[in-house]
C-alpha atoms as a PDB file:
ATOM      1  CA  MET A   1       0.123  -0.152   0.073  1.00  0.00           C
ATOM      2  CA  THR A   2       3.035   2.300   0.594  1.00  0.00           C
ATOM      3  CA  ARG A   3       3.455   2.248  -3.386  1.00  0.00           C
ATOM      4  CA  TRP A   4      -0.056   3.593  -3.985  1.00  0.00           C
ATOM      5  CA  ASP A   5       0.730   6.607  -1.654  1.00  0.00           C
ATOM      6  CA  GLN A   6       4.179   7.048  -3.485  1.00  0.00           C
ATOM      7  CA  LEU A   7       2.210   6.954  -6.719  1.00  0.00           C
ATOM      8  CA  LEU A   8       0.129   9.581  -5.698  1.00  0.00           C
ATOM      9  CA  ARG A   9       2.924  11.822  -4.403  1.00  0.00           C
ATOM     10  CA  TYR A  10       4.536  11.301  -7.703  1.00  0.00           C
ATOM     11  CA  THR A  11       1.626  12.191  -9.777  1.00  0.00           C
ATOM     12  CA  SER A  12       1.009  15.264  -7.661  1.00  0.00           C
ATOM     13  CA  LEU A  13       4.594  16.565  -7.958  1.00  0.00           C
ATOM     14  CA  ARG A  14       4.685  16.078 -11.561  1.00  0.00           C
ATOM     15  CA  LEU A  15       1.368  17.907 -12.203  1.00  0.00           C
ATOM     16  CA  GLY A  16       2.757  20.738  -9.882  1.00  0.00           C
ATOM     17  CA  ARG A  17       5.606  20.991 -11.781  1.00  0.00           C
ATOM     18  CA  GLU A  18       3.773  21.508 -14.901  1.00  0.00           C
ATOM     19  CA  ILE A  19       1.533  23.932 -13.695  1.00  0.00           C
ATOM     20  CA  GLY A  20       3.919  25.928 -11.278  1.00  0.00           C
ATOM     21  CA  LEU A  21       1.665  25.198  -8.247  1.00  0.00           C
ATOM     22  CA  ASP A  22       1.944  23.217  -4.936  1.00  0.00           C
ATOM     23  CA  VAL A  23      -0.024  20.067  -5.669  1.00  0.00           C
ATOM     24  CA  SER A  24      -0.276  17.448  -3.005  1.00  0.00           C
ATOM     25  CA  GLU A  25      -1.881  14.254  -1.885  1.00  0.00           C
ATOM     26  CA  VAL A  26      -4.739  14.832   0.689  1.00  0.00           C
ATOM     27  CA  VAL A  27      -4.145  12.566   3.696  1.00  0.00           C
ATOM     28  CA  PRO A  28      -6.559  12.542   6.455  1.00  0.00           C
ATOM     29  CA  ARG A  29      -5.155  13.938   9.702  1.00  0.00           C
ATOM     30  CA  LYS A  30      -5.621  10.489  11.502  1.00  0.00           C
ATOM     31  CA  HIS A  31      -3.592   8.910   8.992  1.00  0.00           C
ATOM     32  CA  ARG A  32      -0.826  11.648   9.116  1.00  0.00           C
ATOM     33  CA  ALA A  33      -0.505  10.918  12.757  1.00  0.00           C
ATOM     34  CA  ASP A  34      -0.459   7.102  12.305  1.00  0.00           C
ATOM     35  CA  PRO A  35       1.104   5.841   9.177  1.00  0.00           C
ATOM     36  CA  ALA A  36       0.079   2.100  10.071  1.00  0.00           C
ATOM     37  CA  LEU A  37      -3.674   3.105  10.447  1.00  0.00           C
ATOM     38  CA  ARG A  38      -3.229   4.464   6.993  1.00  0.00           C
ATOM     39  CA  GLN A  39      -2.102   1.247   5.352  1.00  0.00           C
ATOM     40  CA  LYS A  40      -4.543  -0.814   7.310  1.00  0.00           C
ATOM     41  CA  ASP A  41      -7.571   1.269   6.265  1.00  0.00           C
ATOM     42  CA  LEU A  42      -6.241   1.083   2.503  1.00  0.00           C
ATOM     43  CA  VAL A  43      -5.888  -2.618   2.708  1.00  0.00           C
ATOM     44  CA  ALA A  44      -9.430  -2.868   4.360  1.00  0.00           C
ATOM     45  CA  ASP A  45     -10.679  -0.754   1.285  1.00  0.00           C
ATOM     46  CA  LEU A  46      -8.982  -2.849  -1.205  1.00  0.00           C
ATOM     47  CA  CYS A  47     -10.365  -5.891   0.328  1.00  0.00           C
ATOM     48  CA  SER A  48     -13.972  -4.831   0.986  1.00  0.00           C
ATOM     49  CA  ARG A  49     -14.446  -2.976  -2.245  1.00  0.00           C
ATOM     50  CA  GLU A  50     -11.644  -3.961  -4.518  1.00  0.00           C
ATOM     51  CA  ARG A  51     -10.512  -0.494  -5.266  1.00  0.00           C
ATOM     52  CA  LEU A  52      -7.654   1.926  -4.452  1.00  0.00           C
ATOM     53  CA  ARG A  53      -8.622   5.463  -3.692  1.00  0.00           C
ATOM     54  CA  GLY A  54      -6.995   8.720  -3.176  1.00  0.00           C
ATOM     55  CA  GLU A  55      -7.120  12.449  -3.318  1.00  0.00           C
ATOM     56  CA  ILE A  56      -5.093  15.116  -4.814  1.00  0.00           C
ATOM     57  CA  ARG A  57      -5.539  18.909  -3.979  1.00  0.00           C
ATOM     58  CA  ILE A  58      -4.613  21.517  -6.651  1.00  0.00           C
ATOM     59  CA  PRO A  59      -4.739  25.225  -5.653  1.00  0.00           C
ATOM     60  CA  ASN A  60      -7.320  27.424  -7.075  1.00  0.00           C
ATOM     61  CA  THR A  61      -9.695  24.618  -8.293  1.00  0.00           C
ATOM     62  CA  ALA A  62     -13.319  24.212  -7.393  1.00  0.00           C
ATOM     63  CA  GLY A  63     -12.831  20.825  -5.884  1.00  0.00           C
ATOM     64  CA  ASP A  64     -10.132  18.165  -5.129  1.00  0.00           C
ATOM     65  CA  LEU A  65      -9.379  15.543  -8.023  1.00  0.00           C
ATOM     66  CA  ASP A  66     -10.501  11.927  -6.790  1.00  0.00           C
ATOM     67  CA  VAL A  67      -8.366   9.120  -8.118  1.00  0.00           C
ATOM     68  CA  ARG A  68      -9.556   5.601  -8.116  1.00  0.00           C
ATOM     69  CA  ILE A  69      -8.496   2.187  -9.512  1.00  0.00           C
ATOM     70  CA  LYS A  70     -11.653  -0.148  -9.242  1.00  0.00           C
ATOM     71  CA  LEU A  71     -10.174  -3.695  -9.648  1.00  0.00           C
ATOM     72  CA  ALA A  72     -13.523  -5.592  -9.921  1.00  0.00           C
ATOM     73  CA  ALA A  73     -14.708  -3.189 -12.758  1.00  0.00           C
ATOM     74  CA  LYS A  74     -11.247  -3.089 -13.981  1.00  0.00           C
ATOM     75  CA  GLN A  75     -11.508   0.791 -14.397  1.00  0.00           C
ATOM     76  CA  ILE A  76      -9.487   3.838 -13.645  1.00  0.00           C
ATOM     77  CA  VAL A  77     -11.673   6.817 -12.681  1.00  0.00           C
ATOM     78  CA  VAL A  78     -10.717  10.389 -11.810  1.00  0.00           C
ATOM     79  CA  GLY A  79     -13.105  12.993 -10.936  1.00  0.00           C
ATOM     80  CA  THR A  80     -14.065  15.847  -8.673  1.00  0.00           C
ATOM     81  CA  GLU A  81     -17.103  17.069  -6.690  1.00  0.00           C
ATOM     82  CA  VAL A  82     -18.416  20.552  -6.780  1.00  0.00           C
ATOM     83  CA  ASP A  83     -21.215  22.527  -5.145  1.00  0.00           C
ATOM     84  CA  ALA A  84     -23.999  23.569  -7.240  1.00  0.00           C
ATOM     85  CA  PRO A  85     -25.322  27.289  -7.279  1.00  0.00           C
ATOM     86  CA  SER A  86     -27.687  27.897  -4.436  1.00  0.00           C
ATOM     87  CA  ASP A  87     -29.625  30.660  -5.964  1.00  0.00           C
ATOM     88  CA  LYS A  88     -30.507  29.286  -9.264  1.00  0.00           C
ATOM     89  CA  ARG A  89     -33.433  27.006 -10.460  1.00  0.00           C
ATOM     90  CA  ALA A  90     -32.893  23.318 -11.395  1.00  0.00           C
ATOM     91  CA  LYS A  91     -32.081  23.617 -15.088  1.00  0.00           C
ATOM     92  CA  ALA A  92     -29.943  26.759 -14.620  1.00  0.00           C
ATOM     93  CA  ARG A  93     -27.688  24.820 -12.020  1.00  0.00           C
ATOM     94  CA  VAL A  94     -27.086  22.222 -14.669  1.00  0.00           C
ATOM     95  CA  THR A  95     -26.294  24.820 -17.274  1.00  0.00           C
ATOM     96  CA  TRP A  96     -23.936  26.432 -15.043  1.00  0.00           C
ATOM     97  CA  LEU A  97     -21.732  23.494 -15.086  1.00  0.00           C
ATOM     98  CA  THR A  98     -22.212  22.131 -18.557  1.00  0.00           C
ATOM     99  CA  ARG A  99     -21.376  25.246 -20.178  1.00  0.00           C
ATOM    100  CA  GLN A 100     -18.030  25.513 -18.492  1.00  0.00           C
ATOM    101  CA  LEU A 101     -17.215  21.860 -19.861  1.00  0.00           C
ATOM    102  CA  ARG A 102     -18.511  22.355 -23.641  1.00  0.00           C
ATOM    103  CA  GLU A 103     -14.958  22.206 -24.917  1.00  0.00           C
ATOM    104  CA  ALA A 104     -13.803  19.283 -22.981  1.00  0.00           C
ATOM    105  CA  GLU A 105     -12.124  16.820 -25.420  1.00  0.00           C
ATOM    106  CA  ILE A 106     -12.360  13.936 -22.973  1.00  0.00           C
ATOM    107  CA  PRO A 107     -15.650  11.912 -22.600  1.00  0.00           C
ATOM    108  CA  LEU A 108     -17.474  12.924 -19.099  1.00  0.00           C
ATOM    109  CA  THR A 109     -20.020  11.550 -16.947  1.00  0.00           C
ATOM    110  CA  ILE A 110     -21.863  13.896 -14.816  1.00  0.00           C
ATOM    111  CA  GLU A 111     -23.646  12.817 -11.404  1.00  0.00           C
ATOM    112  CA  SER A 112     -26.289  14.968 -10.000  1.00  0.00           C
ATOM    113  CA  VAL A 113     -27.117  14.880  -6.472  1.00  0.00           C
ATOM    114  CA  SER A 114     -30.500  16.423  -5.219  1.00  0.00           C
ATOM    115  CA  LYS A 115     -31.194  17.532  -1.630  1.00  0.00           C
ATOM    116  CA  GLY A 116     -33.483  14.776  -0.082  1.00  0.00           C
ATOM    117  CA  SER A 117     -32.967  12.335  -2.864  1.00  0.00           C
ATOM    118  CA  ARG A 118     -31.735   8.706  -2.114  1.00  0.00           C
ATOM    119  CA  GLN A 119     -30.193   8.364  -5.558  1.00  0.00           C
ATOM    120  CA  SER A 120     -28.232  10.475  -7.653  1.00  0.00           C
ATOM    121  CA  VAL A 121     -28.784  10.990 -11.409  1.00  0.00           C
ATOM    122  CA  ILE A 122     -26.132  10.197 -14.208  1.00  0.00           C
ATOM    123  CA  ALA A 123     -25.862  11.363 -17.719  1.00  0.00           C
ATOM    124  CA  PHE A 124     -23.111  11.971 -20.241  1.00  0.00           C
ATOM    125  CA  LEU A 125     -22.055  15.465 -20.611  1.00  0.00           C
ATOM    126  CA  SER A 126     -22.927  15.365 -24.275  1.00  0.00           C
ATOM    127  CA  ASP A 127     -26.552  14.489 -23.410  1.00  0.00           C
ATOM    128  CA  ALA A 128     -26.525  17.011 -20.578  1.00  0.00           C
ATOM    129  CA  LEU A 129     -25.536  19.749 -23.097  1.00  0.00           C
ATOM    130  CA  GLU A 130     -28.457  19.014 -25.284  1.00  0.00           C
ATOM    131  CA  ASP A 131     -30.927  18.838 -22.480  1.00  0.00           C
ATOM    132  CA  PRO A 132     -30.016  19.747 -18.897  1.00  0.00           C
ATOM    133  CA  ALA A 133     -33.264  18.073 -17.715  1.00  0.00           C
ATOM    134  CA  VAL A 134     -31.374  14.712 -17.924  1.00  0.00           C
ATOM    135  CA  LEU A 135     -29.697  15.410 -14.693  1.00  0.00           C
ATOM    136  CA  LEU A 136     -32.707  16.128 -12.713  1.00  0.00           C
ATOM    137  CA  ASP A 137     -34.678  13.336 -10.934  1.00  0.00           C
ATOM    138  CA  GLU A 138     -38.213  12.887 -11.354  1.00  0.00           C
ATOM    139  CA  GLN A 139     -39.357  15.586  -9.120  1.00  0.00           C
ATOM    140  CA  ALA A 140     -36.982  18.116 -10.980  1.00  0.00           C
ATOM    141  CA  ARG A 141     -35.531  19.149  -7.569  1.00  0.00           C
ATOM    142  CA  GLU A 142     -32.626  21.461  -7.656  1.00  0.00           C
ATOM    143  CA  PRO A 143     -29.287  19.586  -7.410  1.00  0.00           C
ATOM    144  CA  VAL A 144     -27.043  20.585  -4.455  1.00  0.00           C
ATOM    145  CA  LYS A 145     -23.785  19.055  -5.930  1.00  0.00           C
ATOM    146  CA  PHE A 146     -22.294  17.750  -9.040  1.00  0.00           C
ATOM    147  CA  ARG A 147     -19.543  14.942  -9.672  1.00  0.00           C
ATOM    148  CA  VAL A 148     -17.768  15.211 -13.013  1.00  0.00           C
ATOM    149  CA  LEU A 149     -16.209  11.751 -14.021  1.00  0.00           C
ATOM    150  CA  PHE A 150     -13.615  10.377 -16.316  1.00  0.00           C
ATOM    151  CA  ARG A 151     -13.553   6.654 -16.793  1.00  0.00           C
ATOM    152  CA  LEU A 152     -10.886   4.599 -18.597  1.00  0.00           C
ATOM    153  CA  ASP A 153     -11.881   0.703 -19.183  1.00  0.00           C
ATOM    154  CA  SER A 154     -10.439  -2.397 -18.488  1.00  0.00           C
ATOM    155  CA  LYS A 155      -7.866  -3.038 -21.365  1.00  0.00           C
ATOM    156  CA  LEU A 156      -5.805  -0.057 -19.939  1.00  0.00           C
ATOM    157  CA  LEU A 157      -5.157  -1.898 -16.616  1.00  0.00           C
ATOM    158  CA  ARG A 158      -2.155  -3.878 -17.472  1.00  0.00           C
ATOM    159  CA  ARG A 159       1.802  -3.879 -16.863  1.00  0.00           C
ATOM    160  CA  GLY A 160       3.234  -1.298 -19.242  1.00  0.00           C
ATOM    161  CA  SER A 161       5.527  -2.437 -22.120  1.00  0.00           C
ATOM    162  CA  LYS A 162       7.647  -0.750 -24.680  1.00  0.00           C
ATOM    163  CA  LYS A 163       4.712  -0.783 -27.135  1.00  0.00           C
ATOM    164  CA  SER A 164       2.065   0.184 -24.603  1.00  0.00           C
ATOM    165  CA  ALA A 165       1.286   2.090 -21.639  1.00  0.00           C
ATOM    166  CA  GLY A 166       0.550   0.432 -18.354  1.00  0.00           C
ATOM    167  CA  THR A 167      -1.701   1.207 -15.359  1.00  0.00           C
ATOM    168  CA  VAL A 168       0.664   3.709 -13.833  1.00  0.00           C
ATOM    169  CA  GLU A 169       1.301   5.561 -16.991  1.00  0.00           C
ATOM    170  CA  THR A 170      -2.449   5.636 -17.780  1.00  0.00           C
ATOM    171  CA  LEU A 171      -3.351   6.892 -14.456  1.00  0.00           C
ATOM    172  CA  ILE A 172      -0.764   9.766 -14.593  1.00  0.00           C
ATOM    173  CA  TRP A 173      -2.240  10.494 -18.141  1.00  0.00           C
ATOM    174  CA  ALA A 174      -5.752  10.475 -16.809  1.00  0.00           C
ATOM    175  CA  VAL A 175      -5.145  12.892 -13.862  1.00  0.00           C
ATOM    176  CA  GLU A 176      -3.284  15.439 -16.269  1.00  0.00           C
ATOM    177  CA  SER A 177      -5.901  15.084 -18.660  1.00  0.00           C
ATOM    178  CA  PHE A 178      -8.734  15.650 -16.276  1.00  0.00           C
ATOM    179  CA  TYR A 179      -6.927  18.708 -14.987  1.00  0.00           C
ATOM    180  CA  TRP A 180      -6.487  20.315 -18.337  1.00  0.00           C
ATOM    181  CA  ALA A 181     -10.148  19.148 -19.579  1.00  0.00           C
ATOM    182  CA  VAL A 182     -12.142  20.003 -16.331  1.00  0.00           C
ATOM    183  CA  LEU A 183     -10.420  21.493 -13.351  1.00  0.00           C
ATOM    184  CA  GLN A 184      -8.871  24.273 -15.029  1.00  0.00           C
ATOM    185  CA  GLU A 185     -12.008  25.248 -16.582  1.00  0.00           C
ATOM    186  CA  ILE A 186     -14.549  25.074 -13.759  1.00  0.00           C
ATOM    187  CA  GLU A 187     -14.755  28.087 -11.442  1.00  0.00           C
ATOM    188  CA  ALA A 188     -16.533  27.754  -8.192  1.00  0.00           C
ATOM    189  CA  TYR A 189     -19.894  29.697  -8.164  1.00  0.00           C
ATOM    190  CA  GLN A 190     -19.829  32.870  -6.416  1.00  0.00           C
ATOM    191  CA  PRO A 191     -23.400  34.208  -5.735  1.00  0.00           C
ATOM    192  CA  LYS A 192     -23.943  37.846  -6.542  1.00  0.00           C
ATOM    193  CA  PRO A 193     -24.378  40.525  -3.782  1.00  0.00           C
ATOM    194  CA  LYS A 194     -28.126  40.836  -2.842  1.00  0.00           C
ATOM    195  CA  LYS A 195     -29.919  43.764  -4.392  1.00  0.00           C
ATOM    196  CA  VAL A 196     -31.351  46.406  -1.918  1.00  0.00           C
ATOM    197  CA  ASP A 197     -33.219  49.714  -2.503  1.00  0.00           C
ATOM    198  CA  GLU A 198     -31.494  52.752  -2.499  1.00  0.00           C
ATOM    199  CA  PRO A 199     -31.352  54.196   0.968  1.00  0.00           C
ATOM    200  CA  GLU A 200     -33.354  57.183   1.735  1.00  0.00           C
ATOM    201  CA  LEU A 201     -31.349  60.465   1.863  1.00  0.00           C
ATOM    202  CA  PRO A 202     -31.145  61.782   5.521  1.00  0.00           C
ATOM    203  CA  ALA A 203     -32.412  65.248   6.190  1.00  0.00           C
ATOM    204  CA  TYR A 204     -29.074  66.724   7.174  1.00  0.00           C
ATOM    205  CA  LEU A 205     -27.594  65.689   3.721  1.00  0.00           C
ATOM    206  CA  ASN A 206     -27.775  68.710   1.585  1.00  0.00           C
ATOM    207  CA  VAL A 207     -27.373  67.966  -2.255  1.00  0.00           C
ATOM    208  CA  THR A 208     -26.648  71.125  -4.390  1.00  0.00           C
ATOM    209  CA  PRO A 209     -28.554  71.647  -7.423  1.00  0.00           C
ATOM    210  CA  GLN A 210     -27.916  70.156 -10.799  1.00  0.00           C
ATOM    211  CA  GLY A 211     -25.963  67.154  -9.587  1.00  0.00           C
ATOM    212  CA  GLY A 212     -23.085  69.003  -7.700  1.00  0.00           C
ATOM    213  CA  PRO A 213     -21.051  67.619  -5.082  1.00  0.00           C
ATOM    214  CA  VAL A 214     -22.838  66.155  -1.861  1.00  0.00           C
ATOM    215  CA  ARG A 215     -22.100  68.388   1.273  1.00  0.00           C
ATOM    216  CA  LEU A 216     -22.197  66.415   4.543  1.00  0.00           C
ATOM    217  CA  ASP A 217     -23.662  68.516   7.367  1.00  0.00           C
ATOM    218  CA  PRO A 218     -23.357  66.932  10.948  1.00  0.00           C
ATOM    219  CA  PRO A 219     -26.606  65.577  12.481  1.00  0.00           C
ATOM    220  CA  PRO A 220     -28.313  67.778  14.775  1.00  0.00           C
ATOM    221  CA  GLY A 221     -26.553  68.100  18.358  1.00  0.00           C
ATOM    222  CA  PHE A 222     -23.185  67.296  16.592  1.00  0.00           C
ATOM    223  CA  GLU A 223     -20.270  69.491  15.682  1.00  0.00           C
ATOM    224  CA  LEU A 224     -17.460  68.744  13.130  1.00  0.00           C
ATOM    225  CA  ALA A 225     -14.313  68.309  15.083  1.00  0.00           C
ATOM    226  CA  ALA A 226     -11.241  70.233  14.005  1.00  0.00           C
ATOM    227  CA  PRO A 227      -8.640  68.690  11.930  1.00  0.00           C
ATOM    228  CA  ALA A 228      -6.009  66.871  13.791  1.00  0.00           C
ATOM    229  CA  THR A 229      -2.713  65.525  12.940  1.00  0.00           C
ATOM    230  CA  SER A 230      -2.858  62.038  11.064  1.00  0.00           C
ATOM    231  CA  GLU A 231      -2.887  59.098  13.303  1.00  0.00           C
ATOM    232  CA  PHE A 232      -1.505  57.145  10.481  1.00  0.00           C
ATOM    233  CA  ARG A 233       1.822  58.833   9.845  1.00  0.00           C
ATOM    234  CA  ALA A 234       4.808  56.898   7.987  1.00  0.00           C
ATOM    235  CA  GLY A 235       7.831  56.230  10.340  1.00  0.00           C
ATOM    236  CA  PRO A 236       8.577  55.156  13.870  1.00  0.00           C
ATOM    237  CA  GLU A 237       6.480  55.750  16.642  1.00  0.00           C
ATOM    238  CA  PRO A 238       7.464  58.336  18.989  1.00  0.00           C
ATOM    239  CA  ALA A 239       9.460  57.339  21.979  1.00  0.00           C
ATOM    240  CA  SER A 240       7.391  57.198  25.286  1.00  0.00           C
ATOM    241  CA  PRO A 241       8.583  60.002  27.944  1.00  0.00           C
END
């Protein structure tokens, strides 16, 4: 299992060198504190689910990069999870994601997760570009999360040779391709500021005619203080007496 972590670290360092950022493997705190527990949990996951799984964190991306080798299905799967916009309607949430991925040159699958739904909805990106409704459940509920996945099939899970790439080379290529096609394209959604009505002009604000400058008079009962020496002067503070 140590070789799996070594592969993830190598893949992270290689991608980080290419993009000039500090890319790193994501290791849970409990595993950082106890490497033996890390190996035990990886072996347990391999035996129970027949898979190897890890995560890579890339700065400034909308989500971490999930990496899996599914031995039973004989697949390499890389993907990421992003939050859906919270202030859009159902179809608009899907469109927000798909329009950012319309130029992707690798086959992508999108999984949509709605609040209160027991099952996710899965569709190819190509289908979702034509009809966003394919990523909505029967009640057309708003998705709260999306998972974007890139799958490679069984014939690639083999030992490399001079004529063909093996599992390690294929996994590295899949990670780098997914970053290029997906992660560098998706921007995390930022809601627009809440719109409010223009505040009512207080009576003590006198505005000159014809759009001139605003003159600020103090509220009743207050007087303007005389100018004082700036409290933000450059240079050292004066010595205490």
